[in-house]
Amino acid sequence: MYHAVLTENVYELKIKSLDSVPSDSTLVLSAQHADRLRAADVHVIVSTQSGAGLATTTSDNILTSLFTLFGVKPTVHTTTSKTSHSEYLESTVFSRVQENIIVILGGDTIIYDLLNALPKNNHLTPAHRFTICPIPCGTGNALAVSLGTKSILIGVSKVFGVSEFNAVHNTILPVMKISIRETQQERTIWGAVVCSWGLHASLVADSDDPEMRKQHGANRFAVPSLSFCFC
């Protein structure tokens, strides 16, 4: 059995020997799912600045190790700027034949950026198939939580089709199209989690400042200068 231990913001993958595994256990990687991962075109996006900064150690010490153990060869993109992942998604030539599995180690912002970057990819056709696997390494992680993925390790398990409670199935979620007219131009954005405008949008935007992230990390929303009181 493989299990992860978190010590001082660093994950370590450990192996525990078991005498036997119940035949009805849902904690076993099935041969069918392993074959699916090996046959797919797997892409991993590691958001280094998301949340508490656990995306890199999750990728390096857990996900990559498990992929190697099971013979899966992913393409990994580690963010180097606020836009590098969007540029990667806009320019990558994804497979037309195999399923494209995109594993997101980040938060809702990366999901939003993915939804708005893929439509700009000139290589895509209606034949392309995508499966998005969010691993909640961000601050809010609204999409992952709504899918029942309430921790990083649950997210990693679901990538391998493993769940403590029931079998993992693909879920088709609706996306929201928003058209905004600015002077003589109309801009289209896509979303899947929450539409933010006005006060909340300002709060999120201000908290995204690099210096705020550096000083306060995941607790930046509680900083007094960003706090609002209602009565």
C-alpha atoms as a PDB file:
ATOM      1  CA  MET A   1       0.000   0.000   0.000  1.00  0.00           C
ATOM      2  CA  TYR A   2       1.276   3.454  -0.887  1.00  0.00           C
ATOM      3  CA  HIS A   3       0.622   6.342   1.480  1.00  0.00           C
ATOM      4  CA  ALA A   4       1.921   9.894   1.748  1.00  0.00           C
ATOM      5  CA  VAL A   5       3.306  11.646   4.816  1.00  0.00           C
ATOM      6  CA  LEU A   6       3.487  15.449   5.031  1.00  0.00           C
ATOM      7  CA  THR A   7       6.312  16.861   7.168  1.00  0.00           C
ATOM      8  CA  GLU A   8       7.086  20.588   7.223  1.00  0.00           C
ATOM      9  CA  ASN A   9       5.369  21.196   3.861  1.00  0.00           C
ATOM     10  CA  VAL A  10       7.184  18.322   2.146  1.00  0.00           C
ATOM     11  CA  TYR A  11       5.415  15.126   1.072  1.00  0.00           C
ATOM     12  CA  GLU A  12       7.076  11.715   1.236  1.00  0.00           C
ATOM     13  CA  LEU A  13       5.660   8.620  -0.451  1.00  0.00           C
ATOM     14  CA  LYS A  14       5.949   5.486   1.696  1.00  0.00           C
ATOM     15  CA  ILE A  15       5.193   1.817   1.069  1.00  0.00           C
ATOM     16  CA  LYS A  16       3.442  -0.406   3.591  1.00  0.00           C
ATOM     17  CA  SER A  17       3.238  -4.162   3.110  1.00  0.00           C
ATOM     18  CA  LEU A  18      -0.175  -5.834   3.388  1.00  0.00           C
ATOM     19  CA  ASP A  19      -0.858  -9.521   3.894  1.00  0.00           C
ATOM     20  CA  SER A  20      -3.963  -9.372   1.738  1.00  0.00           C
ATOM     21  CA  VAL A  21      -6.371  -6.946   0.079  1.00  0.00           C
ATOM     22  CA  PRO A  22     -10.168  -7.446   0.251  1.00  0.00           C
ATOM     23  CA  SER A  23     -11.552  -8.388  -3.149  1.00  0.00           C
ATOM     24  CA  ASP A  24     -14.221  -5.637  -2.924  1.00  0.00           C
ATOM     25  CA  SER A  25     -11.796  -2.890  -1.899  1.00  0.00           C
ATOM     26  CA  THR A  26     -12.153   0.415  -3.773  1.00  0.00           C
ATOM     27  CA  LEU A  27      -8.568   1.364  -2.859  1.00  0.00           C
ATOM     28  CA  VAL A  28      -6.993  -0.775  -5.569  1.00  0.00           C
ATOM     29  CA  LEU A  29      -5.802   0.547  -8.910  1.00  0.00           C
ATOM     30  CA  SER A  30      -7.609  -1.521 -11.505  1.00  0.00           C
ATOM     31  CA  ALA A  31      -5.781  -2.951 -14.512  1.00  0.00           C
ATOM     32  CA  GLN A  32      -8.284  -1.192 -16.791  1.00  0.00           C
ATOM     33  CA  HIS A  33      -7.574   2.241 -15.303  1.00  0.00           C
ATOM     34  CA  ALA A  34      -3.817   1.653 -15.381  1.00  0.00           C
ATOM     35  CA  ASP A  35      -4.084   0.775 -19.079  1.00  0.00           C
ATOM     36  CA  ARG A  36      -6.192   3.901 -19.652  1.00  0.00           C
ATOM     37  CA  LEU A  37      -3.505   6.112 -18.115  1.00  0.00           C
ATOM     38  CA  ARG A  38      -0.714   4.451 -20.083  1.00  0.00           C
ATOM     39  CA  ALA A  39      -2.619   4.843 -23.343  1.00  0.00           C
ATOM     40  CA  ALA A  40      -3.585   8.472 -22.712  1.00  0.00           C
ATOM     41  CA  ASP A  41      -1.684  11.658 -23.460  1.00  0.00           C
ATOM     42  CA  VAL A  42      -1.171  12.853 -19.868  1.00  0.00           C
ATOM     43  CA  HIS A  43      -0.266  16.462 -19.094  1.00  0.00           C
ATOM     44  CA  VAL A  44       0.476  17.736 -15.580  1.00  0.00           C
ATOM     45  CA  ILE A  45       0.335  21.445 -14.742  1.00  0.00           C
ATOM     46  CA  VAL A  46       2.103  22.365 -11.495  1.00  0.00           C
ATOM     47  CA  SER A  47       1.129  25.804 -10.162  1.00  0.00           C
ATOM     48  CA  THR A  48       4.083  26.752  -7.965  1.00  0.00           C
ATOM     49  CA  GLN A  49       2.422  29.822  -6.402  1.00  0.00           C
ATOM     50  CA  SER A  50      -1.011  28.356  -5.607  1.00  0.00           C
ATOM     51  CA  GLY A  51      -2.322  28.118  -2.049  1.00  0.00           C
ATOM     52  CA  ALA A  52       0.167  26.960   0.578  1.00  0.00           C
ATOM     53  CA  GLY A  53       2.769  26.051  -2.048  1.00  0.00           C
ATOM     54  CA  LEU A  54       2.267  22.273  -1.904  1.00  0.00           C
ATOM     55  CA  ALA A  55       1.853  21.696  -5.649  1.00  0.00           C
ATOM     56  CA  THR A  56       5.562  21.136  -6.351  1.00  0.00           C
ATOM     57  CA  THR A  57       6.178  18.632  -3.561  1.00  0.00           C
ATOM     58  CA  THR A  58       2.944  16.830  -4.472  1.00  0.00           C
ATOM     59  CA  SER A  59       4.080  16.513  -8.067  1.00  0.00           C
ATOM     60  CA  ASP A  60       7.716  15.631  -7.389  1.00  0.00           C
ATOM     61  CA  ASN A  61       7.335  13.310  -4.416  1.00  0.00           C
ATOM     62  CA  ILE A  62       3.936  11.658  -4.960  1.00  0.00           C
ATOM     63  CA  LEU A  63       2.447  11.981  -8.431  1.00  0.00           C
ATOM     64  CA  THR A  64       5.648  11.542 -10.454  1.00  0.00           C
ATOM     65  CA  SER A  65       6.720   8.598  -8.288  1.00  0.00           C
ATOM     66  CA  LEU A  66       3.370   6.845  -8.790  1.00  0.00           C
ATOM     67  CA  PHE A  67       3.367   7.519 -12.524  1.00  0.00           C
ATOM     68  CA  THR A  68       6.831   5.957 -12.744  1.00  0.00           C
ATOM     69  CA  LEU A  69       5.762   2.909 -10.724  1.00  0.00           C
ATOM     70  CA  PHE A  70       2.811   2.265 -13.042  1.00  0.00           C
ATOM     71  CA  GLY A  71       4.554   3.038 -16.316  1.00  0.00           C
ATOM     72  CA  VAL A  72       2.770   6.326 -17.091  1.00  0.00           C
ATOM     73  CA  LYS A  73       4.843   8.928 -18.944  1.00  0.00           C
ATOM     74  CA  PRO A  74       3.319  12.397 -18.491  1.00  0.00           C
ATOM     75  CA  THR A  75       4.380  15.752 -19.869  1.00  0.00           C
ATOM     76  CA  VAL A  76       4.891  18.125 -16.933  1.00  0.00           C
ATOM     77  CA  HIS A  77       4.615  21.914 -17.107  1.00  0.00           C
ATOM     78  CA  THR A  78       5.741  23.802 -14.001  1.00  0.00           C
ATOM     79  CA  THR A  79       4.608  27.421 -13.962  1.00  0.00           C
ATOM     80  CA  THR A  80       7.324  30.047 -14.293  1.00  0.00           C
ATOM     81  CA  SER A  81       5.031  33.083 -14.446  1.00  0.00           C
ATOM     82  CA  LYS A  82       1.359  34.023 -14.088  1.00  0.00           C
ATOM     83  CA  THR A  83       0.761  33.194 -17.753  1.00  0.00           C
ATOM     84  CA  SER A  84       3.155  30.332 -18.586  1.00  0.00           C
ATOM     85  CA  HIS A  85       0.483  27.641 -18.123  1.00  0.00           C
ATOM     86  CA  SER A  86      -1.949  29.516 -20.387  1.00  0.00           C
ATOM     87  CA  GLU A  87       0.739  29.846 -23.042  1.00  0.00           C
ATOM     88  CA  TYR A  88       1.466  26.132 -22.723  1.00  0.00           C
ATOM     89  CA  LEU A  89      -2.201  25.196 -23.161  1.00  0.00           C
ATOM     90  CA  GLU A  90      -2.659  27.571 -26.100  1.00  0.00           C
ATOM     91  CA  SER A  91       0.315  26.181 -28.038  1.00  0.00           C
ATOM     92  CA  THR A  92       0.559  22.470 -27.187  1.00  0.00           C
ATOM     93  CA  VAL A  93      -0.315  20.005 -29.931  1.00  0.00           C
ATOM     94  CA  PHE A  94      -2.630  17.613 -28.100  1.00  0.00           C
ATOM     95  CA  SER A  95      -3.389  14.109 -29.337  1.00  0.00           C
ATOM     96  CA  ARG A  96      -6.315  13.658 -31.728  1.00  0.00           C
ATOM     97  CA  VAL A  97      -6.321   9.902 -31.210  1.00  0.00           C
ATOM     98  CA  GLN A  98      -5.670   9.307 -27.514  1.00  0.00           C
ATOM     99  CA  GLU A  99      -7.594  10.744 -24.592  1.00  0.00           C
ATOM    100  CA  ASN A 100      -5.920  13.902 -23.262  1.00  0.00           C
ATOM    101  CA  ILE A 101      -5.798  13.856 -19.456  1.00  0.00           C
ATOM    102  CA  ILE A 102      -4.824  17.173 -17.865  1.00  0.00           C
ATOM    103  CA  VAL A 103      -3.917  16.961 -14.176  1.00  0.00           C
ATOM    104  CA  ILE A 104      -4.125  20.353 -12.445  1.00  0.00           C
ATOM    105  CA  LEU A 105      -2.098  20.859  -9.260  1.00  0.00           C
ATOM    106  CA  GLY A 106      -3.447  24.280  -8.358  1.00  0.00           C
ATOM    107  CA  GLY A 107      -6.636  26.120  -7.558  1.00  0.00           C
ATOM    108  CA  ASP A 108      -9.662  27.574  -9.314  1.00  0.00           C
ATOM    109  CA  THR A 109      -7.603  30.227 -11.107  1.00  0.00           C
ATOM    110  CA  ILE A 110      -5.736  27.537 -13.047  1.00  0.00           C
ATOM    111  CA  ILE A 111      -9.066  25.899 -13.969  1.00  0.00           C
ATOM    112  CA  TYR A 112     -10.345  29.253 -15.220  1.00  0.00           C
ATOM    113  CA  ASP A 113      -7.172  29.853 -17.211  1.00  0.00           C
ATOM    114  CA  LEU A 114      -7.419  26.381 -18.758  1.00  0.00           C
ATOM    115  CA  LEU A 115     -11.004  26.964 -19.910  1.00  0.00           C
ATOM    116  CA  ASN A 116      -9.999  30.232 -21.553  1.00  0.00           C
ATOM    117  CA  ALA A 117      -6.698  29.028 -23.021  1.00  0.00           C
ATOM    118  CA  LEU A 118      -7.875  25.868 -24.793  1.00  0.00           C
ATOM    119  CA  PRO A 119     -10.333  27.707 -27.118  1.00  0.00           C
ATOM    120  CA  LYS A 120      -7.345  29.736 -28.355  1.00  0.00           C
ATOM    121  CA  ASN A 121      -5.402  26.597 -29.318  1.00  0.00           C
ATOM    122  CA  ASN A 122      -5.463  26.497 -33.123  1.00  0.00           C
ATOM    123  CA  HIS A 123      -4.540  22.804 -33.186  1.00  0.00           C
ATOM    124  CA  LEU A 124      -7.793  21.631 -31.575  1.00  0.00           C
ATOM    125  CA  THR A 125     -10.613  19.947 -33.472  1.00  0.00           C
ATOM    126  CA  PRO A 126     -13.962  18.415 -32.430  1.00  0.00           C
ATOM    127  CA  ALA A 127     -12.158  15.049 -32.371  1.00  0.00           C
ATOM    128  CA  HIS A 128     -10.029  15.987 -29.369  1.00  0.00           C
ATOM    129  CA  ARG A 129     -11.060  14.462 -26.032  1.00  0.00           C
ATOM    130  CA  PHE A 130     -10.106  16.019 -22.698  1.00  0.00           C
ATOM    131  CA  THR A 131     -10.423  14.844 -19.108  1.00  0.00           C
ATOM    132  CA  ILE A 132      -9.539  17.337 -16.360  1.00  0.00           C
ATOM    133  CA  CYS A 133      -8.282  16.009 -13.003  1.00  0.00           C
ATOM    134  CA  PRO A 134      -8.100  18.779 -10.365  1.00  0.00           C
ATOM    135  CA  ILE A 135      -5.834  18.176  -7.374  1.00  0.00           C
ATOM    136  CA  PRO A 136      -6.732  20.913  -4.840  1.00  0.00           C
ATOM    137  CA  CYS A 137      -3.485  22.788  -4.182  1.00  0.00           C
ATOM    138  CA  GLY A 138      -5.052  26.258  -4.290  1.00  0.00           C
ATOM    139  CA  THR A 139      -6.634  28.491  -1.674  1.00  0.00           C
ATOM    140  CA  GLY A 140     -10.343  27.929  -2.280  1.00  0.00           C
ATOM    141  CA  ASN A 141     -10.513  24.906  -4.600  1.00  0.00           C
ATOM    142  CA  ALA A 142     -14.267  25.342  -5.191  1.00  0.00           C
ATOM    143  CA  LEU A 143     -14.427  23.093  -8.258  1.00  0.00           C
ATOM    144  CA  ALA A 144     -12.462  20.240  -6.681  1.00  0.00           C
ATOM    145  CA  VAL A 145     -14.497  20.378  -3.481  1.00  0.00           C
ATOM    146  CA  SER A 146     -17.766  20.360  -5.443  1.00  0.00           C
ATOM    147  CA  LEU A 147     -16.565  17.102  -7.024  1.00  0.00           C
ATOM    148  CA  GLY A 148     -15.873  15.577  -3.604  1.00  0.00           C
ATOM    149  CA  THR A 149     -12.121  16.067  -3.892  1.00  0.00           C
ATOM    150  CA  LYS A 150     -11.568  17.678  -0.517  1.00  0.00           C
ATOM    151  CA  SER A 151      -7.833  17.103  -0.092  1.00  0.00           C
ATOM    152  CA  ILE A 152      -4.665  16.786  -2.127  1.00  0.00           C
ATOM    153  CA  LEU A 153      -4.351  13.068  -1.472  1.00  0.00           C
ATOM    154  CA  ILE A 154      -7.950  12.377  -2.516  1.00  0.00           C
ATOM    155  CA  GLY A 155      -7.163  14.240  -5.736  1.00  0.00           C
ATOM    156  CA  VAL A 156      -4.074  12.115  -6.373  1.00  0.00           C
ATOM    157  CA  SER A 157      -6.055   8.945  -5.678  1.00  0.00           C
ATOM    158  CA  LYS A 158      -8.750   9.947  -8.165  1.00  0.00           C
ATOM    159  CA  VAL A 159      -6.156  10.394 -10.905  1.00  0.00           C
ATOM    160  CA  PHE A 160      -5.538   6.669 -10.515  1.00  0.00           C
ATOM    161  CA  GLY A 161      -9.248   5.838 -10.343  1.00  0.00           C
ATOM    162  CA  VAL A 162      -9.102   5.105  -6.624  1.00  0.00           C
ATOM    163  CA  SER A 163     -11.637   6.345  -4.072  1.00  0.00           C
ATOM    164  CA  GLU A 164     -12.261   5.402  -0.455  1.00  0.00           C
ATOM    165  CA  PHE A 165     -16.019   5.455  -0.863  1.00  0.00           C
ATOM    166  CA  ASN A 166     -16.986   4.445  -4.413  1.00  0.00           C
ATOM    167  CA  ALA A 167     -15.736   3.994  -7.923  1.00  0.00           C
ATOM    168  CA  VAL A 168     -14.410   7.057  -9.728  1.00  0.00           C
ATOM    169  CA  HIS A 169     -16.435   8.101 -12.771  1.00  0.00           C
ATOM    170  CA  ASN A 170     -15.975  10.934 -15.228  1.00  0.00           C
ATOM    171  CA  THR A 171     -18.435  13.771 -14.640  1.00  0.00           C
ATOM    172  CA  ILE A 172     -19.509  16.137 -17.411  1.00  0.00           C
ATOM    173  CA  LEU A 173     -19.853  19.637 -16.000  1.00  0.00           C
ATOM    174  CA  PRO A 174     -21.460  22.642 -17.704  1.00  0.00           C
ATOM    175  CA  VAL A 175     -19.332  25.692 -18.401  1.00  0.00           C
ATOM    176  CA  MET A 176     -20.540  29.280 -18.370  1.00  0.00           C
ATOM    177  CA  LYS A 177     -20.000  31.671 -21.268  1.00  0.00           C
ATOM    178  CA  ILE A 178     -19.866  35.356 -20.394  1.00  0.00           C
ATOM    179  CA  SER A 179     -19.771  38.093 -23.017  1.00  0.00           C
ATOM    180  CA  ILE A 180     -18.512  41.516 -21.948  1.00  0.00           C
ATOM    181  CA  ARG A 181     -18.761  44.541 -24.223  1.00  0.00           C
ATOM    182  CA  GLU A 182     -15.921  47.025 -23.835  1.00  0.00           C
ATOM    183  CA  THR A 183     -16.314  50.181 -25.959  1.00  0.00           C
ATOM    184  CA  GLN A 184     -16.569  48.786 -29.508  1.00  0.00           C
ATOM    185  CA  GLN A 185     -15.301  45.257 -28.732  1.00  0.00           C
ATOM    186  CA  GLU A 186     -16.914  42.204 -27.192  1.00  0.00           C
ATOM    187  CA  ARG A 187     -14.826  39.892 -25.033  1.00  0.00           C
ATOM    188  CA  THR A 188     -15.827  36.302 -24.215  1.00  0.00           C
ATOM    189  CA  ILE A 189     -14.703  34.463 -21.095  1.00  0.00           C
ATOM    190  CA  TRP A 190     -15.515  30.954 -19.904  1.00  0.00           C
ATOM    191  CA  GLY A 191     -16.056  29.826 -16.321  1.00  0.00           C
ATOM    192  CA  ALA A 192     -16.995  26.742 -14.351  1.00  0.00           C
ATOM    193  CA  VAL A 193     -16.894  27.698 -10.679  1.00  0.00           C
ATOM    194  CA  VAL A 194     -18.085  31.169  -9.686  1.00  0.00           C
ATOM    195  CA  CYS A 195     -18.696  34.486 -11.393  1.00  0.00           C
ATOM    196  CA  SER A 196     -17.046  37.284  -9.433  1.00  0.00           C
ATOM    197  CA  TRP A 197     -17.832  40.970  -9.902  1.00  0.00           C
ATOM    198  CA  GLY A 198     -17.397  44.228  -8.008  1.00  0.00           C
ATOM    199  CA  LEU A 199     -16.329  43.936  -4.363  1.00  0.00           C
ATOM    200  CA  HIS A 200     -15.445  40.239  -4.387  1.00  0.00           C
ATOM    201  CA  ALA A 201     -13.563  40.578  -7.660  1.00  0.00           C
ATOM    202  CA  SER A 202     -11.519  43.437  -6.176  1.00  0.00           C
ATOM    203  CA  LEU A 203     -10.717  41.374  -3.089  1.00  0.00           C
ATOM    204  CA  VAL A 204      -9.507  38.439  -5.176  1.00  0.00           C
ATOM    205  CA  ALA A 205      -7.494  40.642  -7.524  1.00  0.00           C
ATOM    206  CA  ASP A 206      -5.766  42.516  -4.675  1.00  0.00           C
ATOM    207  CA  SER A 207      -4.932  39.268  -2.874  1.00  0.00           C
ATOM    208  CA  ASP A 208      -3.282  37.940  -6.026  1.00  0.00           C
ATOM    209  CA  ASP A 209      -0.476  40.493  -5.787  1.00  0.00           C
ATOM    210  CA  PRO A 210       2.917  38.662  -5.761  1.00  0.00           C
ATOM    211  CA  GLU A 211       3.996  40.438  -2.570  1.00  0.00           C
ATOM    212  CA  MET A 212       0.762  39.431  -0.802  1.00  0.00           C
ATOM    213  CA  ARG A 213       1.301  35.809  -1.827  1.00  0.00           C
ATOM    214  CA  LYS A 214       4.918  35.909  -0.672  1.00  0.00           C
ATOM    215  CA  GLN A 215       4.175  37.393   2.751  1.00  0.00           C
ATOM    216  CA  HIS A 216       0.862  35.767   3.646  1.00  0.00           C
ATOM    217  CA  GLY A 217       0.388  32.702   1.411  1.00  0.00           C
ATOM    218  CA  ALA A 218      -2.980  31.011   1.834  1.00  0.00           C
ATOM    219  CA  ASN A 219      -3.888  33.393   4.713  1.00  0.00           C
ATOM    220  CA  ARG A 220      -3.743  36.506   2.522  1.00  0.00           C
ATOM    221  CA  PHE A 221      -7.549  36.908   2.449  1.00  0.00           C
ATOM    222  CA  ALA A 222      -7.493  37.586   6.216  1.00  0.00           C
ATOM    223  CA  VAL A 223      -5.085  40.514   5.927  1.00  0.00           C
ATOM    224  CA  PRO A 224      -6.764  43.633   7.439  1.00  0.00           C
ATOM    225  CA  SER A 225      -6.224  45.721   4.308  1.00  0.00           C
ATOM    226  CA  LEU A 226      -8.318  43.207   2.399  1.00  0.00           C
ATOM    227  CA  SER A 227     -10.996  42.726   5.027  1.00  0.00           C
ATOM    228  CA  PHE A 228     -14.463  44.205   4.543  1.00  0.00           C
ATOM    229  CA  CYS A 229     -17.107  44.564   7.223  1.00  0.00           C
ATOM    230  CA  PHE A 230     -20.852  44.536   6.640  1.00  0.00           C
ATOM    231  CA  CYS A 231     -23.612  45.574   9.009  1.00  0.00           C
END
